[in-house]
């Protein structure tokens, strides 16, 4: 039986640039940075949470390169749960994160949608108390 998800691959054009964005603007922390031959294994996760790591990977083909910034298509690539959507929205916006949807409250929670440095969309949700 599958117990949980461990990694989500995000294709990036530059691993150092993506690491800087996700750590300095989103607030994630670096988990692993290791070299395996030609491949750099670079992962990060929300601070204090190690159940799911984002693996920042360089494209290896033209097909991969075409997916950079479009991995979720017209939908958010992933949903991130937060304790305070409006506060995180303000902090991330002040750090230069582009939001395509400001926080809105629905019966199921408060959400905002932002883009990473390449255009991937992420949904940020605060569940109702």
C-alpha atoms as a PDB file:
ATOM      1  CA  UNK A   1       0.000   0.000   0.000  1.00  0.00           C
ATOM      2  CA  UNK A   2       1.265   3.474  -0.865  1.00  0.00           C
ATOM      3  CA  UNK A   3       1.750   5.569   2.282  1.00  0.00           C
ATOM      4  CA  UNK A   4       2.549   9.088   1.020  1.00  0.00           C
ATOM      5  CA  UNK A   5       4.103  11.155  -1.750  1.00  0.00           C
ATOM      6  CA  UNK A   6       7.778  11.930  -1.281  1.00  0.00           C
ATOM      7  CA  UNK A   7       8.887  14.060  -4.273  1.00  0.00           C
ATOM      8  CA  UNK A   8       7.394  16.387  -6.875  1.00  0.00           C
ATOM      9  CA  UNK A   9       9.672  17.168  -9.820  1.00  0.00           C
ATOM     10  CA  UNK A  10       9.732  20.756 -11.021  1.00  0.00           C
ATOM     11  CA  UNK A  11      11.627  21.353 -14.250  1.00  0.00           C
ATOM     12  CA  UNK A  12      13.722  24.522 -14.065  1.00  0.00           C
ATOM     13  CA  UNK A  13      16.094  26.350 -16.408  1.00  0.00           C
ATOM     14  CA  UNK A  14      18.586  27.140 -13.651  1.00  0.00           C
ATOM     15  CA  UNK A  15      18.749  25.265 -10.345  1.00  0.00           C
ATOM     16  CA  UNK A  16      20.493  28.028  -8.390  1.00  0.00           C
ATOM     17  CA  UNK A  17      17.989  30.630  -9.632  1.00  0.00           C
ATOM     18  CA  UNK A  18      15.055  28.348  -8.726  1.00  0.00           C
ATOM     19  CA  UNK A  19      16.550  27.538  -5.309  1.00  0.00           C
ATOM     20  CA  UNK A  20      16.887  31.243  -4.565  1.00  0.00           C
ATOM     21  CA  UNK A  21      13.259  31.895  -5.611  1.00  0.00           C
ATOM     22  CA  UNK A  22      11.756  29.064  -3.563  1.00  0.00           C
ATOM     23  CA  UNK A  23      13.842  29.761  -0.453  1.00  0.00           C
ATOM     24  CA  UNK A  24      13.947  33.561  -0.424  1.00  0.00           C
ATOM     25  CA  UNK A  25      10.523  34.377  -1.876  1.00  0.00           C
ATOM     26  CA  UNK A  26       8.349  31.391  -0.907  1.00  0.00           C
ATOM     27  CA  UNK A  27      10.112  30.521   2.351  1.00  0.00           C
ATOM     28  CA  UNK A  28      11.064  26.900   1.672  1.00  0.00           C
ATOM     29  CA  UNK A  29      14.324  25.413   2.914  1.00  0.00           C
ATOM     30  CA  UNK A  30      16.929  23.391   1.059  1.00  0.00           C
ATOM     31  CA  UNK A  31      16.752  19.716   1.966  1.00  0.00           C
ATOM     32  CA  UNK A  32      19.312  17.976  -0.268  1.00  0.00           C
ATOM     33  CA  UNK A  33      21.988  19.250  -2.619  1.00  0.00           C
ATOM     34  CA  UNK A  34      24.093  16.390  -3.962  1.00  0.00           C
ATOM     35  CA  UNK A  35      25.999  15.695  -7.146  1.00  0.00           C
ATOM     36  CA  UNK A  36      25.594  12.297  -8.820  1.00  0.00           C
ATOM     37  CA  UNK A  37      27.918  12.360 -11.798  1.00  0.00           C
ATOM     38  CA  UNK A  38      26.513  14.978 -14.178  1.00  0.00           C
ATOM     39  CA  UNK A  39      23.197  15.214 -12.292  1.00  0.00           C
ATOM     40  CA  UNK A  40      22.621  17.589  -9.396  1.00  0.00           C
ATOM     41  CA  UNK A  41      19.933  16.315  -7.010  1.00  0.00           C
ATOM     42  CA  UNK A  42      18.479  19.472  -5.452  1.00  0.00           C
ATOM     43  CA  UNK A  43      15.410  19.259  -3.229  1.00  0.00           C
ATOM     44  CA  UNK A  44      13.574  21.622  -0.919  1.00  0.00           C
ATOM     45  CA  UNK A  45      10.484  21.633   1.241  1.00  0.00           C
ATOM     46  CA  UNK A  46       8.368  23.881   3.432  1.00  0.00           C
ATOM     47  CA  UNK A  47      10.173  24.651   6.679  1.00  0.00           C
ATOM     48  CA  UNK A  48       9.551  21.941   9.257  1.00  0.00           C
ATOM     49  CA  UNK A  49       7.816  19.610   6.793  1.00  0.00           C
ATOM     50  CA  UNK A  50       9.725  16.791   5.193  1.00  0.00           C
ATOM     51  CA  UNK A  51       6.883  14.627   3.875  1.00  0.00           C
ATOM     52  CA  UNK A  52       7.071  16.093   0.367  1.00  0.00           C
ATOM     53  CA  UNK A  53      10.153  17.509  -1.307  1.00  0.00           C
ATOM     54  CA  UNK A  54      10.251  19.561  -4.501  1.00  0.00           C
ATOM     55  CA  UNK A  55      13.025  18.218  -6.735  1.00  0.00           C
ATOM     56  CA  UNK A  56      14.368  21.055  -8.911  1.00  0.00           C
ATOM     57  CA  UNK A  57      15.551  19.312 -12.068  1.00  0.00           C
ATOM     58  CA  UNK A  58      17.158  20.559 -15.271  1.00  0.00           C
ATOM     59  CA  UNK A  59      15.500  19.555 -18.551  1.00  0.00           C
ATOM     60  CA  UNK A  60      17.245  16.696 -20.345  1.00  0.00           C
ATOM     61  CA  UNK A  61      15.420  16.977 -23.671  1.00  0.00           C
ATOM     62  CA  UNK A  62      13.624  19.502 -25.852  1.00  0.00           C
ATOM     63  CA  UNK A  63      10.345  17.974 -24.638  1.00  0.00           C
ATOM     64  CA  UNK A  64      11.386  18.636 -21.026  1.00  0.00           C
ATOM     65  CA  UNK A  65      12.430  22.189 -21.870  1.00  0.00           C
ATOM     66  CA  UNK A  66       9.021  22.863 -23.447  1.00  0.00           C
ATOM     67  CA  UNK A  67       7.377  21.940 -20.128  1.00  0.00           C
ATOM     68  CA  UNK A  68       9.311  24.405 -17.965  1.00  0.00           C
ATOM     69  CA  UNK A  69       6.719  26.702 -16.398  1.00  0.00           C
ATOM     70  CA  UNK A  70       3.812  24.734 -17.863  1.00  0.00           C
ATOM     71  CA  UNK A  71       3.827  21.527 -15.862  1.00  0.00           C
ATOM     72  CA  UNK A  72       0.276  21.967 -14.585  1.00  0.00           C
ATOM     73  CA  UNK A  73      -1.062  23.309 -17.878  1.00  0.00           C
ATOM     74  CA  UNK A  74      -3.781  25.854 -17.098  1.00  0.00           C
ATOM     75  CA  UNK A  75      -4.191  24.434 -13.579  1.00  0.00           C
ATOM     76  CA  UNK A  76      -2.103  24.868 -10.438  1.00  0.00           C
ATOM     77  CA  UNK A  77       0.701  22.326 -10.302  1.00  0.00           C
ATOM     78  CA  UNK A  78       0.213  21.746  -6.580  1.00  0.00           C
ATOM     79  CA  UNK A  79      -1.768  22.969  -3.612  1.00  0.00           C
ATOM     80  CA  UNK A  80       0.108  24.229  -0.548  1.00  0.00           C
ATOM     81  CA  UNK A  81      -1.651  24.363   2.805  1.00  0.00           C
ATOM     82  CA  UNK A  82      -0.972  27.349   5.068  1.00  0.00           C
ATOM     83  CA  UNK A  83      -2.065  28.437   8.546  1.00  0.00           C
ATOM     84  CA  UNK A  84      -2.652  32.020   7.381  1.00  0.00           C
ATOM     85  CA  UNK A  85      -3.272  32.624   3.687  1.00  0.00           C
ATOM     86  CA  UNK A  86      -3.677  36.400   3.913  1.00  0.00           C
ATOM     87  CA  UNK A  87      -0.490  36.849   5.950  1.00  0.00           C
ATOM     88  CA  UNK A  88       1.540  34.586   3.650  1.00  0.00           C
ATOM     89  CA  UNK A  89       0.080  36.381   0.636  1.00  0.00           C
ATOM     90  CA  UNK A  90       1.256  39.761   1.987  1.00  0.00           C
ATOM     91  CA  UNK A  91       4.730  38.459   2.865  1.00  0.00           C
ATOM     92  CA  UNK A  92       5.267  36.670  -0.437  1.00  0.00           C
ATOM     93  CA  UNK A  93       3.896  39.597  -2.452  1.00  0.00           C
ATOM     94  CA  UNK A  94       6.287  41.959  -0.634  1.00  0.00           C
ATOM     95  CA  UNK A  95       9.153  39.656  -1.728  1.00  0.00           C
ATOM     96  CA  UNK A  96       8.108  39.975  -5.376  1.00  0.00           C
ATOM     97  CA  UNK A  97       6.015  36.824  -5.876  1.00  0.00           C
ATOM     98  CA  UNK A  98       3.448  37.265  -8.661  1.00  0.00           C
ATOM     99  CA  UNK A  99      -0.091  36.424  -7.589  1.00  0.00           C
ATOM    100  CA  UNK A 100      -2.756  35.816 -10.196  1.00  0.00           C
ATOM    101  CA  UNK A 101      -5.478  35.523  -7.561  1.00  0.00           C
ATOM    102  CA  UNK A 102      -5.620  37.455  -4.308  1.00  0.00           C
ATOM    103  CA  UNK A 103      -6.907  35.676  -1.195  1.00  0.00           C
ATOM    104  CA  UNK A 104     -10.582  34.829  -1.441  1.00  0.00           C
ATOM    105  CA  UNK A 105     -12.620  33.074   1.218  1.00  0.00           C
ATOM    106  CA  UNK A 106     -15.015  30.259   0.380  1.00  0.00           C
ATOM    107  CA  UNK A 107     -16.848  27.858   2.681  1.00  0.00           C
ATOM    108  CA  UNK A 108     -14.026  25.336   2.229  1.00  0.00           C
ATOM    109  CA  UNK A 109     -11.225  27.809   3.050  1.00  0.00           C
ATOM    110  CA  UNK A 110      -9.236  30.829   1.910  1.00  0.00           C
ATOM    111  CA  UNK A 111      -7.112  30.544  -1.220  1.00  0.00           C
ATOM    112  CA  UNK A 112      -4.679  32.542  -3.326  1.00  0.00           C
ATOM    113  CA  UNK A 113      -2.855  31.521  -6.507  1.00  0.00           C
ATOM    114  CA  UNK A 114       0.728  32.493  -7.343  1.00  0.00           C
ATOM    115  CA  UNK A 115       3.289  31.760 -10.028  1.00  0.00           C
ATOM    116  CA  UNK A 116       6.856  30.617  -9.608  1.00  0.00           C
ATOM    117  CA  UNK A 117       9.690  32.260 -11.507  1.00  0.00           C
ATOM    118  CA  UNK A 118       8.950  30.206 -14.643  1.00  0.00           C
ATOM    119  CA  UNK A 119       5.149  30.493 -14.613  1.00  0.00           C
ATOM    120  CA  UNK A 120       4.028  27.316 -12.831  1.00  0.00           C
ATOM    121  CA  UNK A 121       0.928  28.096 -10.800  1.00  0.00           C
ATOM    122  CA  UNK A 122       0.443  27.053  -7.178  1.00  0.00           C
ATOM    123  CA  UNK A 123      -2.691  27.221  -5.074  1.00  0.00           C
ATOM    124  CA  UNK A 124      -2.146  28.317  -1.455  1.00  0.00           C
ATOM    125  CA  UNK A 125      -5.020  27.315   0.850  1.00  0.00           C
ATOM    126  CA  UNK A 126      -5.893  28.000   4.475  1.00  0.00           C
ATOM    127  CA  UNK A 127      -8.406  25.408   5.650  1.00  0.00           C
ATOM    128  CA  UNK A 128     -11.268  26.578   7.870  1.00  0.00           C
ATOM    129  CA  UNK A 129     -10.628  26.374  11.604  1.00  0.00           C
END
